[in-house]
């Protein structure tokens, strides 16, 4: 499903991008699993019931597989469809590529989907677009309350209650030492054959309100559990139980951290992509095996 079988425009496949938002509280993560409620399972069910072409996409390709309990306001996926005949009669207008009005399709999909997952938009994209491998960077946010009474009740499903006061300056000092291209084996759940070399481009902490802190984390890509491991380790620095050097020492030693923050405080907020002319080159670069200088 990563490549169209034949070029679009000659009776072949057309690639479509969807932008999604979801509350991950009641999902067993993104990836479809038999007998479990997952975001992918519900989205593919909606596409099957209201296909945007002659044939239902068998599977979708997602930018980032979120874990159980993790939320998203800027998830991206793509799929390929066999277009409709532009001259065939139907209830929806079809453009010259054989694709129905995607604005109306978004309304139809959202009528099928439950309230905790929404399709925010849909668009036809070039065949070189790949939701996963074309991405330049991904942006996550983790929310923490260090109020002595815990998280605000209205934020309890997307904010971690931390029962110790946090020093934002200490958090930022320690986070700064992790930026750049590094082997993040200490902060990644091991997967056979997968690299742990990543470029961490942003890791900042901001106290936006009394007792309410947000961590913004951006990288070209993240390995499994990386953001939650970074946050969990830094929180121990922020509350004074570990020195500012502790996260960087773990990184250098490649000693796997055991401090993994709970999933409900994490949200995938946005994904950046290059201009269309640079999609193919970016996909090739992303697929290449990484090494450190």
Protein backbone atom coordinates (compact mmCIF):
# COMPACT_ATOMS: atom_id res chain seq x y z
CA UNK A 1 0.00 0.00 0.00
CA UNK A 2 3.04 2.30 -0.01
CA UNK A 3 3.14 2.60 -3.81
CA UNK A 4 0.37 2.89 -6.41
CA UNK A 5 0.15 -0.17 -8.66
CA UNK A 6 -0.23 1.92 -11.81
CA UNK A 7 0.00 5.68 -12.35
CA UNK A 8 -3.04 7.77 -11.53
CA UNK A 9 -4.75 9.38 -14.50
CA UNK A 10 -4.64 6.24 -16.66
CA UNK A 11 -7.37 4.31 -14.91
CA UNK A 12 -4.97 3.53 -12.07
CA UNK A 13 -4.94 4.42 -8.40
CA UNK A 14 -5.37 7.81 -6.82
CA UNK A 15 -3.74 8.61 -3.48
CA UNK A 16 -5.80 10.34 -0.78
CA UNK A 17 -4.61 11.96 2.45
CA UNK A 18 -6.75 12.13 5.59
CA UNK A 19 -6.10 14.30 8.65
CA UNK A 20 -7.45 12.92 11.94
CA UNK A 21 -8.05 13.88 15.54
CA UNK A 22 -8.92 11.43 18.31
CA UNK A 23 -9.22 11.00 22.04
CA UNK A 24 -7.13 7.92 22.73
CA UNK A 25 -8.67 7.17 26.14
CA UNK A 26 -10.88 4.31 25.03
CA UNK A 27 -8.73 2.96 22.20
CA UNK A 28 -6.21 0.14 22.32
CA UNK A 29 -3.86 2.25 20.27
CA UNK A 30 -3.83 3.01 16.56
CA UNK A 31 -3.03 -0.36 14.99
CA UNK A 32 -5.85 -2.72 14.09
CA UNK A 33 -6.05 -5.79 16.35
CA UNK A 34 -8.68 -8.55 16.26
CA UNK A 35 -11.44 -8.03 18.80
CA UNK A 36 -10.06 -4.72 20.09
CA UNK A 37 -11.27 -1.15 19.62
CA UNK A 38 -8.57 0.69 17.67
CA UNK A 39 -8.47 3.90 15.66
CA UNK A 40 -7.32 2.16 12.49
CA UNK A 41 -10.09 -0.40 12.78
CA UNK A 42 -12.81 2.25 13.02
CA UNK A 43 -11.37 4.43 10.25
CA UNK A 44 -11.06 1.53 7.84
CA UNK A 45 -14.61 0.48 8.70
CA UNK A 46 -15.87 3.97 7.82
CA UNK A 47 -13.96 3.88 4.53
CA UNK A 48 -15.46 0.48 3.73
CA UNK A 49 -18.98 1.76 4.33
CA UNK A 50 -18.43 4.96 2.35
CA UNK A 51 -15.60 4.26 -0.11
CA UNK A 52 -14.19 7.26 -2.00
CA UNK A 53 -13.74 5.17 -5.13
CA UNK A 54 -14.76 1.97 -6.92
CA UNK A 55 -12.82 -0.25 -4.52
CA UNK A 56 -12.37 -0.08 -0.77
CA UNK A 57 -8.78 0.52 0.39
CA UNK A 58 -7.61 -2.68 2.08
CA UNK A 59 -5.36 -0.85 4.52
CA UNK A 60 -4.18 2.65 5.31
CA UNK A 61 -0.66 3.96 5.94
CA UNK A 62 -0.33 6.17 9.01
CA UNK A 63 2.30 8.74 9.92
CA UNK A 64 2.75 7.51 13.49
CA UNK A 65 1.26 4.53 15.32
CA UNK A 66 0.12 5.90 18.66
CA UNK A 67 0.04 3.62 21.70
CA UNK A 68 -2.95 2.76 23.86
CA UNK A 69 -4.27 5.91 25.53
CA UNK A 70 -2.29 8.39 23.42
CA UNK A 71 -4.27 11.18 21.72
CA UNK A 72 -3.90 13.00 18.41
CA UNK A 73 -4.97 16.35 17.00
CA UNK A 74 -2.80 16.11 13.87
CA UNK A 75 -2.55 12.48 12.77
CA UNK A 76 -2.08 11.88 9.02
CA UNK A 77 -2.72 8.81 6.86
CA UNK A 78 -2.91 7.92 3.21
CA UNK A 79 -4.51 5.23 1.08
CA UNK A 80 -4.93 4.46 -2.61
CA UNK A 81 -8.30 4.05 -4.28
CA UNK A 82 -9.49 2.86 -7.67
CA UNK A 83 -11.27 5.93 -9.05
CA UNK A 84 -14.86 6.04 -10.20
CA UNK A 85 -15.85 6.62 -13.81
CA UNK A 86 -16.28 10.42 -14.10
CA UNK A 87 -19.12 9.86 -16.58
CA UNK A 88 -21.09 7.38 -14.46
CA UNK A 89 -24.22 8.68 -12.70
CA UNK A 90 -24.20 8.93 -8.91
CA UNK A 91 -25.40 10.92 -5.92
CA UNK A 92 -22.01 12.59 -5.47
CA UNK A 93 -20.25 14.67 -8.09
CA UNK A 94 -16.99 13.14 -9.33
CA UNK A 95 -13.99 15.14 -10.56
CA UNK A 96 -11.89 14.44 -13.64
CA UNK A 97 -9.75 11.99 -11.62
CA UNK A 98 -12.79 9.92 -10.66
CA UNK A 99 -12.77 11.07 -7.01
CA UNK A 100 -16.02 12.18 -5.33
CA UNK A 101 -16.37 15.49 -3.48
CA UNK A 102 -14.07 14.85 -0.51
CA UNK A 103 -15.63 17.59 1.61
CA UNK A 104 -18.92 15.71 1.47
CA UNK A 105 -17.12 12.43 2.06
CA UNK A 106 -15.63 13.84 5.27
CA UNK A 107 -19.15 14.58 6.52
CA UNK A 108 -20.24 11.03 5.66
CA UNK A 109 -17.27 9.42 7.42
CA UNK A 110 -17.83 11.52 10.53
CA UNK A 111 -21.47 10.41 10.69
CA UNK A 112 -20.23 6.81 10.82
CA UNK A 113 -17.37 7.34 13.25
CA UNK A 114 -17.91 7.66 17.03
CA UNK A 115 -17.42 11.07 18.67
CA UNK A 116 -13.91 10.26 19.94
CA UNK A 117 -12.42 10.17 16.43
CA UNK A 118 -12.90 12.82 13.73
CA UNK A 119 -11.77 13.20 10.14
CA UNK A 120 -10.62 16.80 9.91
CA UNK A 121 -9.96 16.90 6.18
CA UNK A 122 -9.27 14.92 3.02
CA UNK A 123 -7.36 15.75 -0.14
CA UNK A 124 -5.89 14.11 -3.21
CA UNK A 125 -2.08 14.06 -3.03
CA UNK A 126 0.68 13.09 -5.46
CA UNK A 127 1.56 9.39 -5.69
CA UNK A 128 4.96 10.23 -4.14
CA UNK A 129 3.30 11.33 -0.88
CA UNK A 130 3.76 8.83 1.93
CA UNK A 131 2.20 9.70 5.29
CA UNK A 132 4.97 7.86 7.13
CA UNK A 133 8.14 8.17 5.07
CA UNK A 134 7.59 11.63 3.57
CA UNK A 135 7.33 13.33 6.98
CA UNK A 136 9.99 15.89 7.84
CA UNK A 137 9.18 15.97 11.55
CA UNK A 138 6.54 15.06 14.10
CA UNK A 139 5.37 17.27 16.97
CA UNK A 140 4.15 15.90 20.29
CA UNK A 141 2.96 17.61 23.47
CA UNK A 142 2.91 16.15 26.97
CA UNK A 143 0.82 17.86 29.66
CA UNK A 144 1.60 17.73 33.39
CA UNK A 145 -0.05 19.17 36.49
CA UNK A 146 2.17 19.60 39.54
CA UNK A 147 -0.68 20.90 41.69
CA UNK A 148 -0.79 19.24 45.14
CA UNK A 149 -4.41 18.20 44.49
CA UNK A 150 -3.62 16.58 41.11
CA UNK A 151 -4.92 17.37 37.63
CA UNK A 152 -7.91 19.60 36.97
CA UNK A 153 -10.94 17.28 36.62
CA UNK A 154 -11.61 18.62 33.12
CA UNK A 155 -8.04 17.74 32.11
CA UNK A 156 -7.74 14.41 33.85
CA UNK A 157 -7.86 12.42 30.58
CA UNK A 158 -5.03 14.30 28.86
CA UNK A 159 -2.87 15.57 31.74
CA UNK A 160 -0.57 13.68 34.11
CA UNK A 161 -0.94 14.45 37.82
CA UNK A 162 2.57 14.78 39.31
CA UNK A 163 2.62 15.00 43.08
CA UNK A 164 5.91 16.90 43.36
CA UNK A 165 6.70 20.54 42.43
CA UNK A 166 8.58 20.81 39.13
CA UNK A 167 11.41 23.23 38.30
CA UNK A 168 10.87 24.31 34.68
CA UNK A 169 14.37 25.81 34.39
CA UNK A 170 15.92 22.49 35.47
CA UNK A 171 13.70 20.63 32.99
CA UNK A 172 14.80 22.87 30.12
CA UNK A 173 18.49 22.72 31.07
CA UNK A 174 18.44 18.93 31.10
CA UNK A 175 16.34 18.66 27.91
CA UNK A 176 18.71 20.93 25.98
CA UNK A 177 21.52 18.39 26.41
CA UNK A 178 19.55 15.77 24.47
CA UNK A 179 19.02 17.79 21.29
CA UNK A 180 20.55 16.79 17.98
CA UNK A 181 21.30 13.56 16.14
CA UNK A 182 21.90 10.82 18.69
CA UNK A 183 21.39 7.15 19.35
CA UNK A 184 18.36 7.18 21.65
CA UNK A 185 18.60 3.49 22.60
CA UNK A 186 18.25 4.52 26.27
CA UNK A 187 14.84 6.01 25.51
CA UNK A 188 13.41 3.49 23.04
CA UNK A 189 11.69 0.18 23.51
CA UNK A 190 13.86 -2.25 21.53
CA UNK A 191 12.54 -3.61 18.23
CA UNK A 192 14.53 -6.13 16.25
CA UNK A 193 16.09 -4.61 13.15
CA UNK A 194 14.94 -1.06 13.97
CA UNK A 195 17.38 1.81 14.37
CA UNK A 196 17.27 4.06 17.44
CA UNK A 197 19.17 6.94 15.80
CA UNK A 198 16.96 10.02 15.73
CA UNK A 199 17.34 13.79 15.46
CA UNK A 200 15.64 15.47 18.42
CA UNK A 201 14.93 18.99 17.19
CA UNK A 202 12.94 20.48 20.04
CA UNK A 203 12.38 19.59 23.69
CA UNK A 204 11.04 22.49 25.75
CA UNK A 205 9.01 22.86 28.92
CA UNK A 206 6.65 25.78 29.59
CA UNK A 207 4.54 26.61 32.62
CA UNK A 208 1.50 27.96 30.80
CA UNK A 209 -0.61 28.31 33.97
CA UNK A 210 -0.13 27.87 37.69
CA UNK A 211 0.46 24.14 38.26
CA UNK A 212 0.11 23.36 34.53
CA UNK A 213 3.19 22.56 32.42
CA UNK A 214 3.52 21.44 28.80
CA UNK A 215 6.47 19.69 27.19
CA UNK A 216 6.79 20.19 23.42
CA UNK A 217 8.87 17.54 21.68
CA UNK A 218 9.74 17.48 17.97
CA UNK A 219 11.95 15.13 15.96
CA UNK A 220 12.34 13.87 12.44
CA UNK A 221 10.99 10.55 13.76
CA UNK A 222 10.45 8.80 17.08
CA UNK A 223 11.10 5.19 18.01
CA UNK A 224 8.73 3.15 20.16
CA UNK A 225 7.95 4.79 23.55
CA UNK A 226 10.62 7.46 22.98
CA UNK A 227 8.57 10.54 23.91
CA UNK A 228 7.11 8.99 27.06
CA UNK A 229 10.54 7.72 28.11
CA UNK A 230 12.07 11.16 27.62
CA UNK A 231 9.29 12.82 29.60
CA UNK A 232 9.34 10.25 32.40
CA UNK A 233 13.08 10.58 32.86
CA UNK A 234 13.08 14.38 32.74
CA UNK A 235 10.32 14.60 35.34
CA UNK A 236 12.65 13.00 37.87
CA UNK A 237 15.16 15.76 37.11
CA UNK A 238 12.49 18.43 37.33
CA UNK A 239 11.36 17.37 40.79
CA UNK A 240 14.92 17.18 42.10
CA UNK A 241 15.30 13.42 42.53
CA UNK A 242 17.95 13.25 39.80
CA UNK A 243 20.70 15.73 38.81
CA UNK A 244 20.41 17.81 35.62
CA UNK A 245 23.05 15.59 34.01
CA UNK A 246 21.09 12.37 34.55
CA UNK A 247 19.17 12.26 31.21
CA UNK A 248 22.31 13.00 29.16
CA UNK A 249 24.29 10.42 31.14
CA UNK A 250 21.68 7.78 30.28
CA UNK A 251 21.84 8.79 26.62
CA UNK A 252 25.63 8.47 26.53
CA UNK A 253 25.67 5.15 28.39
CA UNK A 254 22.73 3.80 26.33
CA UNK A 255 21.30 2.48 29.57
CA UNK A 256 17.59 1.80 29.08
CA UNK A 257 15.51 4.08 31.29
CA UNK A 258 12.75 2.55 33.39
CA UNK A 259 10.92 5.87 33.78
CA UNK A 260 8.17 5.85 31.15
CA UNK A 261 5.43 8.46 31.58
CA UNK A 262 1.80 7.26 31.33
CA UNK A 263 0.24 7.52 27.85
CA UNK A 264 -2.76 9.73 28.60
CA UNK A 265 -0.71 12.94 28.90
CA UNK A 266 0.65 12.61 25.35
CA UNK A 267 -0.83 14.06 22.16
CA UNK A 268 0.44 13.91 18.57
CA UNK A 269 -0.16 17.50 17.52
CA UNK A 270 1.20 17.92 13.99
CA UNK A 271 3.33 16.43 11.22
CA UNK A 272 5.36 18.48 8.74
CA UNK A 273 5.84 17.52 5.10
CA UNK A 274 8.01 19.02 2.33
CA UNK A 275 6.68 20.63 -0.85
CA UNK A 276 5.34 18.19 -3.42
CA UNK A 277 8.47 18.44 -5.57
CA UNK A 278 10.58 17.15 -2.66
CA UNK A 279 8.36 14.24 -1.55
CA UNK A 280 10.17 11.49 -3.45
CA UNK A 281 13.61 12.62 -2.27
CA UNK A 282 12.42 12.84 1.33
CA UNK A 283 10.93 9.35 1.22
CA UNK A 284 14.20 7.96 -0.12
CA UNK A 285 16.18 9.75 2.58
CA UNK A 286 13.90 8.51 5.36
CA UNK A 287 14.11 4.89 4.21
CA UNK A 288 17.92 4.95 4.20
CA UNK A 289 19.72 3.23 7.08
CA UNK A 290 20.94 5.80 9.59
CA UNK A 291 24.39 6.04 11.09
CA UNK A 292 26.01 8.57 13.40
CA UNK A 293 28.80 10.79 12.01
